[in-house]
């Protein structure tokens, strides 16, 4: 009889740990956010300047691929990898607060409006955000006065981040060097 209760107890424990919903075993469960240290969600606004620099002896932007049929005027199909400086001011020599690392694809076939599909992480290296990051992915219509892209996540201080960024070109020259102001609005815990 003792073996019967032991087997019944093991079955009950197994069943409780492997609940079945709609005939499929459970692979996730609800968690208490407080146990994760998640308290009140807050909104943080950051303002940084992103410096895309394909020219000079140490470019931060590299064309890594383009198709044989890529039109050099619009660059459709080009893939660019970046490791761009993030600074507090529009000048490249202003205080460095992080790096924008990722890639973008020139994805506008007709060239109007010129658009890049971007996927990058802002990795912060200064102040209270040192070691934290915000990931951004979306379409950037580069010639528009104001653009908007979504925040897709984050790490460190920005764990569970969501929100958006607004972009405004501050400077662009014929070499392709650009300075873009990023207003970041991140909801996080």
Protein backbone atom coordinates (compact mmCIF):
# COMPACT_ATOMS: atom_id res chain seq x y z
CA UNK A 1 0.00 0.00 0.00
CA UNK A 2 2.90 2.39 0.76
CA UNK A 3 4.22 1.85 -2.79
CA UNK A 4 0.79 2.74 -4.19
CA UNK A 5 0.83 6.11 -2.35
CA UNK A 6 4.44 6.74 -3.39
CA UNK A 7 3.53 6.09 -7.03
CA UNK A 8 0.38 8.23 -6.73
CA UNK A 9 2.43 11.08 -5.17
CA UNK A 10 5.05 10.89 -7.94
CA UNK A 11 2.29 10.96 -10.57
CA UNK A 12 0.71 14.02 -8.91
CA UNK A 13 4.08 15.82 -8.79
CA UNK A 14 4.77 14.90 -12.43
CA UNK A 15 1.32 16.07 -13.49
CA UNK A 16 1.63 19.39 -11.63
CA UNK A 17 5.07 20.05 -13.13
CA UNK A 18 3.98 19.11 -16.65
CA UNK A 19 0.49 20.56 -17.02
CA UNK A 20 -1.19 19.75 -20.27
CA UNK A 21 -3.04 22.49 -22.15
CA UNK A 22 -4.89 21.65 -25.34
CA UNK A 23 -3.16 18.28 -25.46
CA UNK A 24 0.36 19.79 -25.50
CA UNK A 25 2.85 19.65 -22.64
CA UNK A 26 3.50 22.98 -20.95
CA UNK A 27 6.91 24.52 -21.64
CA UNK A 28 6.40 27.81 -19.81
CA UNK A 29 4.77 29.18 -16.75
CA UNK A 30 3.71 32.51 -15.30
CA UNK A 31 6.24 34.17 -13.04
CA UNK A 32 5.93 36.80 -10.38
CA UNK A 33 7.63 39.98 -11.75
CA UNK A 34 8.48 41.08 -8.19
CA UNK A 35 10.72 38.01 -7.77
CA UNK A 36 12.66 39.23 -10.82
CA UNK A 37 13.13 42.62 -9.19
CA UNK A 38 10.69 44.26 -11.60
CA UNK A 39 8.93 47.07 -9.84
CA UNK A 40 7.52 50.23 -11.31
CA UNK A 41 8.14 50.71 -15.02
CA UNK A 42 9.92 53.98 -15.83
CA UNK A 43 10.41 56.10 -18.92
CA UNK A 44 13.95 57.24 -19.70
CA UNK A 45 14.78 59.87 -22.32
CA UNK A 46 18.30 59.83 -23.73
CA UNK A 47 19.72 62.14 -26.36
CA UNK A 48 22.83 61.00 -28.25
CA UNK A 49 24.49 61.73 -31.56
CA UNK A 50 25.27 58.82 -33.90
CA UNK A 51 28.30 59.35 -36.17
CA UNK A 52 28.35 57.30 -39.37
CA UNK A 53 31.79 57.71 -40.95
CA UNK A 54 32.58 55.78 -44.15
CA UNK A 55 35.50 58.11 -45.06
CA UNK A 56 38.98 58.69 -43.66
CA UNK A 57 41.74 56.35 -42.49
CA UNK A 58 39.55 54.64 -39.84
CA UNK A 59 36.00 54.30 -41.18
CA UNK A 60 33.27 53.19 -38.78
CA UNK A 61 30.95 52.16 -41.60
CA UNK A 62 31.92 49.43 -44.08
CA UNK A 63 30.11 48.24 -47.20
CA UNK A 64 30.30 44.44 -46.90
CA UNK A 65 28.08 43.36 -49.80
CA UNK A 66 26.26 44.59 -52.86
CA UNK A 67 24.75 42.79 -55.82
CA UNK A 68 26.06 42.93 -59.38
CA UNK A 69 22.97 44.94 -60.33
CA UNK A 70 23.24 47.45 -57.44
CA UNK A 71 22.68 50.96 -58.74
CA UNK A 72 25.54 53.07 -57.32
CA UNK A 73 23.29 56.15 -57.18
CA UNK A 74 20.75 54.64 -54.77
CA UNK A 75 22.72 51.65 -53.47
CA UNK A 76 19.71 49.32 -53.41
CA UNK A 77 20.78 45.95 -52.02
CA UNK A 78 23.92 47.19 -50.29
CA UNK A 79 24.67 45.81 -46.83
CA UNK A 80 26.63 48.02 -44.47
CA UNK A 81 28.13 47.05 -41.08
CA UNK A 82 28.64 49.77 -38.48
CA UNK A 83 30.56 50.44 -35.29
CA UNK A 84 29.64 54.12 -34.92
CA UNK A 85 30.47 56.49 -32.08
CA UNK A 86 27.63 57.73 -29.84
CA UNK A 87 28.40 61.13 -28.31
CA UNK A 88 26.62 63.71 -26.14
CA UNK A 89 27.02 66.46 -28.74
CA UNK A 90 26.90 66.74 -32.53
CA UNK A 91 30.68 67.04 -32.85
CA UNK A 92 32.59 63.78 -33.23
CA UNK A 93 35.08 64.91 -30.57
CA UNK A 94 32.38 65.51 -27.92
CA UNK A 95 32.10 63.10 -24.97
CA UNK A 96 31.86 59.46 -26.11
CA UNK A 97 29.05 57.59 -24.30
CA UNK A 98 28.88 54.39 -26.35
CA UNK A 99 28.93 52.65 -29.72
CA UNK A 100 26.18 51.84 -32.21
CA UNK A 101 26.97 48.38 -33.56
CA UNK A 102 24.98 46.52 -36.18
CA UNK A 103 24.08 46.77 -39.83
CA UNK A 104 21.76 48.35 -42.31
CA UNK A 105 20.55 47.44 -45.74
CA UNK A 106 19.69 50.00 -48.41
CA UNK A 107 16.23 48.71 -49.19
CA UNK A 108 14.53 51.30 -51.38
CA UNK A 109 14.39 50.02 -54.95
CA UNK A 110 13.21 53.26 -56.51
CA UNK A 111 15.38 55.37 -54.24
CA UNK A 112 12.45 57.61 -53.23
CA UNK A 113 12.00 57.80 -50.41
CA UNK A 114 15.50 56.57 -49.73
CA UNK A 115 15.22 53.97 -46.97
CA UNK A 116 17.51 51.79 -44.94
CA UNK A 117 16.37 48.86 -42.83
CA UNK A 118 18.50 49.04 -39.71
CA UNK A 119 19.31 46.62 -36.90
CA UNK A 120 21.70 47.92 -34.27
CA UNK A 121 22.50 47.93 -30.60
CA UNK A 122 23.49 51.07 -28.73
CA UNK A 123 26.09 49.76 -26.26
CA UNK A 124 26.63 52.39 -23.57
CA UNK A 125 30.10 52.81 -22.03
CA UNK A 126 29.69 55.82 -19.75
CA UNK A 127 27.81 57.02 -16.69
CA UNK A 128 24.95 55.18 -15.04
CA UNK A 129 24.19 53.31 -18.31
CA UNK A 130 27.71 51.86 -18.66
CA UNK A 131 27.38 48.17 -19.60
CA UNK A 132 23.74 48.51 -20.64
CA UNK A 133 22.36 48.48 -24.16
CA UNK A 134 19.29 49.32 -26.22
CA UNK A 135 18.44 47.43 -29.42
CA UNK A 136 16.77 49.28 -32.30
CA UNK A 137 15.41 47.75 -35.50
CA UNK A 138 13.29 49.24 -38.25
CA UNK A 139 12.94 51.32 -41.38
CA UNK A 140 14.73 54.65 -41.62
CA UNK A 141 13.63 56.99 -44.44
CA UNK A 142 16.95 58.78 -44.39
CA UNK A 143 15.93 61.96 -46.21
CA UNK A 144 12.90 62.71 -44.01
CA UNK A 145 13.35 65.52 -41.48
CA UNK A 146 12.17 63.32 -38.58
CA UNK A 147 12.17 59.53 -38.60
CA UNK A 148 11.00 57.04 -36.00
CA UNK A 149 12.13 53.50 -35.26
CA UNK A 150 11.14 51.04 -32.52
CA UNK A 151 13.19 49.90 -29.56
CA UNK A 152 13.11 46.11 -29.64
CA UNK A 153 14.81 45.33 -26.33
CA UNK A 154 17.71 46.04 -24.04
CA UNK A 155 20.12 44.75 -21.43
CA UNK A 156 21.35 45.86 -18.02
CA UNK A 157 19.49 48.98 -16.87
CA UNK A 158 17.34 48.66 -20.01
CA UNK A 159 16.32 45.01 -19.52
CA UNK A 160 12.75 44.51 -20.87
CA UNK A 161 13.03 47.83 -22.77
CA UNK A 162 10.48 48.93 -25.31
CA UNK A 163 9.75 52.29 -26.86
CA UNK A 164 10.90 54.33 -29.82
CA UNK A 165 13.63 56.61 -31.11
CA UNK A 166 13.29 59.76 -33.17
CA UNK A 167 16.08 60.58 -35.60
CA UNK A 168 17.04 63.97 -37.01
CA UNK A 169 20.01 64.39 -39.34
CA UNK A 170 22.34 67.06 -37.97
CA UNK A 171 25.05 66.81 -40.61
CA UNK A 172 25.61 64.93 -43.89
CA UNK A 173 28.37 65.49 -46.45
CA UNK A 174 29.33 64.26 -49.91
CA UNK A 175 31.71 61.64 -48.42
CA UNK A 176 28.71 60.01 -46.75
CA UNK A 177 29.78 61.09 -43.26
CA UNK A 178 26.75 61.84 -41.11
CA UNK A 179 25.85 62.95 -37.62
CA UNK A 180 22.31 62.06 -36.55
CA UNK A 181 20.57 63.09 -33.33
CA UNK A 182 18.76 60.19 -31.63
CA UNK A 183 16.08 61.01 -29.08
CA UNK A 184 15.50 57.73 -27.25
CA UNK A 185 12.30 57.12 -25.27
CA UNK A 186 12.67 53.80 -23.43
CA UNK A 187 10.19 52.17 -21.06
CA UNK A 188 11.99 49.76 -18.75
CA UNK A 189 12.09 48.54 -15.15
